[in-house]
C-alpha atoms as a PDB file:
ATOM      1  CA  MET A   1      29.613 -16.102 -14.801  1.00  0.00           C
ATOM      2  CA  ILE A   2      25.965 -15.931 -15.777  1.00  0.00           C
ATOM      3  CA  THR A   3      25.394 -14.619 -19.306  1.00  0.00           C
ATOM      4  CA  LEU A   4      22.648 -12.224 -20.179  1.00  0.00           C
ATOM      5  CA  LYS A   5      20.806 -14.861 -22.187  1.00  0.00           C
ATOM      6  CA  GLN A   6      20.800 -17.252 -19.205  1.00  0.00           C
ATOM      7  CA  ARG A   7      19.549 -14.481 -16.869  1.00  0.00           C
ATOM      8  CA  LEU A   8      16.767 -13.485 -19.260  1.00  0.00           C
ATOM      9  CA  PHE A   9      15.390 -16.935 -19.998  1.00  0.00           C
ATOM     10  CA  SER A  10      15.792 -18.765 -16.684  1.00  0.00           C
ATOM     11  CA  ASN A  11      14.324 -18.599 -13.166  1.00  0.00           C
ATOM     12  CA  TRP A  12      10.916 -17.246 -14.081  1.00  0.00           C
ATOM     13  CA  HIS A  13       8.575 -17.664 -11.140  1.00  0.00           C
ATOM     14  CA  PHE A  14       5.259 -16.115 -10.038  1.00  0.00           C
ATOM     15  CA  MET A  15       6.714 -12.962  -8.471  1.00  0.00           C
ATOM     16  CA  ARG A  16       8.910 -12.202 -11.487  1.00  0.00           C
ATOM     17  CA  ILE A  17       5.934 -12.589 -13.828  1.00  0.00           C
ATOM     18  CA  ALA A  18       3.802 -10.423 -11.477  1.00  0.00           C
ATOM     19  CA  ARG A  19       6.484  -7.686 -11.520  1.00  0.00           C
ATOM     20  CA  LEU A  20       6.531  -7.852 -15.325  1.00  0.00           C
ATOM     21  CA  VAL A  21       2.753  -7.421 -15.524  1.00  0.00           C
ATOM     22  CA  LEU A  22       2.879  -4.586 -12.976  1.00  0.00           C
ATOM     23  CA  SER A  23       5.603  -2.771 -14.865  1.00  0.00           C
ATOM     24  CA  VAL A  24       3.740  -3.006 -18.171  1.00  0.00           C
ATOM     25  CA  VAL A  25       0.515  -1.747 -16.535  1.00  0.00           C
ATOM     26  CA  LEU A  26       2.393   1.152 -14.936  1.00  0.00           C
ATOM     27  CA  LEU A  27       4.082   2.091 -18.217  1.00  0.00           C
ATOM     28  CA  VAL A  28       0.776   2.015 -20.143  1.00  0.00           C
ATOM     29  CA  MET A  29      -0.960   4.091 -17.441  1.00  0.00           C
ATOM     30  CA  SER A  30       1.885   6.592 -17.437  1.00  0.00           C
ATOM     31  CA  VAL A  31       1.634   7.091 -21.193  1.00  0.00           C
ATOM     32  CA  GLN A  32      -2.133   7.529 -20.945  1.00  0.00           C
ATOM     33  CA  ASP A  33      -1.934   9.966 -18.015  1.00  0.00           C
ATOM     34  CA  LYS A  34       1.317  11.626 -19.230  1.00  0.00           C
ATOM     35  CA  ASP A  35       2.793  10.995 -15.760  1.00  0.00           C
ATOM     36  CA  LEU A  36       6.584  10.921 -15.680  1.00  0.00           C
ATOM     37  CA  ALA A  37       6.894   9.663 -12.081  1.00  0.00           C
ATOM     38  CA  MET A  38       4.699   6.664 -12.761  1.00  0.00           C
ATOM     39  CA  GLY A  39       6.657   5.980 -15.923  1.00  0.00           C
ATOM     40  CA  GLY A  40       9.907   5.994 -13.944  1.00  0.00           C
ATOM     41  CA  LEU A  41       8.480   3.521 -11.443  1.00  0.00           C
ATOM     42  CA  GLY A  42       7.238   1.280 -14.254  1.00  0.00           C
ATOM     43  CA  LEU A  43      10.659   1.447 -15.917  1.00  0.00           C
ATOM     44  CA  PHE A  44      12.359   0.559 -12.641  1.00  0.00           C
ATOM     45  CA  PHE A  45      10.163  -2.500 -12.204  1.00  0.00           C
ATOM     46  CA  LEU A  46      10.716  -3.472 -15.870  1.00  0.00           C
ATOM     47  CA  ILE A  47      14.526  -3.281 -15.598  1.00  0.00           C
ATOM     48  CA  THR A  48      14.658  -5.233 -12.334  1.00  0.00           C
ATOM     49  CA  THR A  49      12.346  -7.894 -13.749  1.00  0.00           C
ATOM     50  CA  ILE A  50      14.246  -8.356 -16.987  1.00  0.00           C
ATOM     51  CA  ALA A  51      17.589  -8.396 -15.177  1.00  0.00           C
ATOM     52  CA  GLY A  52      16.268 -10.879 -12.624  1.00  0.00           C
ATOM     53  CA  LEU A  53      17.204  -8.658  -9.690  1.00  0.00           C
ATOM     54  CA  GLY A  54      15.375  -7.740  -6.518  1.00  0.00           C
ATOM     55  CA  CYS A  55      16.040  -5.035  -4.035  1.00  0.00           C
ATOM     56  CA  CYS A  56      19.175  -6.856  -2.816  1.00  0.00           C
ATOM     57  CA  GLY A  57      20.199  -8.638  -5.970  1.00  0.00           C
ATOM     58  CA  PRO A  58      19.858 -12.376  -6.565  1.00  0.00           C
ATOM     59  CA  GLN A  59      19.820 -14.110  -3.172  1.00  0.00           C
ATOM     60  CA  GLY A  60      21.167 -10.959  -1.537  1.00  0.00           C
ATOM     61  CA  CYS A  61      18.891 -11.232   1.474  1.00  0.00           C
ATOM     62  CA  SER A  62      19.592 -14.855   2.310  1.00  0.00           C
ATOM     63  CA  THR A  63      21.649 -15.804   5.310  1.00  0.00           C
ATOM     64  CA  PRO A  64      24.658 -18.099   5.022  1.00  0.00           C
ATOM     65  CA  GLU A  65      24.254 -21.707   6.140  1.00  0.00           C
ATOM     66  CA  ARG A  66      26.391 -22.938   8.985  1.00  0.00           C
ATOM     67  CA  ASN A  67      27.466 -26.530   9.225  1.00  0.00           C
ATOM     68  CA  ALA A  68      27.636 -28.560  12.463  1.00  0.00           C
ATOM     69  CA  GLU A  69      31.318 -27.799  12.944  1.00  0.00           C
ATOM     70  CA  GLN A  70      30.705 -24.058  13.052  1.00  0.00           C
ATOM     71  CA  MET A  71      27.845 -24.523  15.545  1.00  0.00           C
ATOM     72  CA  LYS A  72      30.203 -25.793  18.313  1.00  0.00           C
END
């Protein structure tokens, strides 16, 4: 089981950092423009970035590998 601390401080890559920057920009813009919809979108990106999730969860879109025995 992955703990919250492990999830927060591991597996940071370019796309996760880009989502973090995008979420902060959206949240700042939503406060400046007083736009609730943009704030919700920024909050969504922030939560998924911090939790380390994507649209399908961690490795949710990957296909299972088949070994040579299953290929026959």
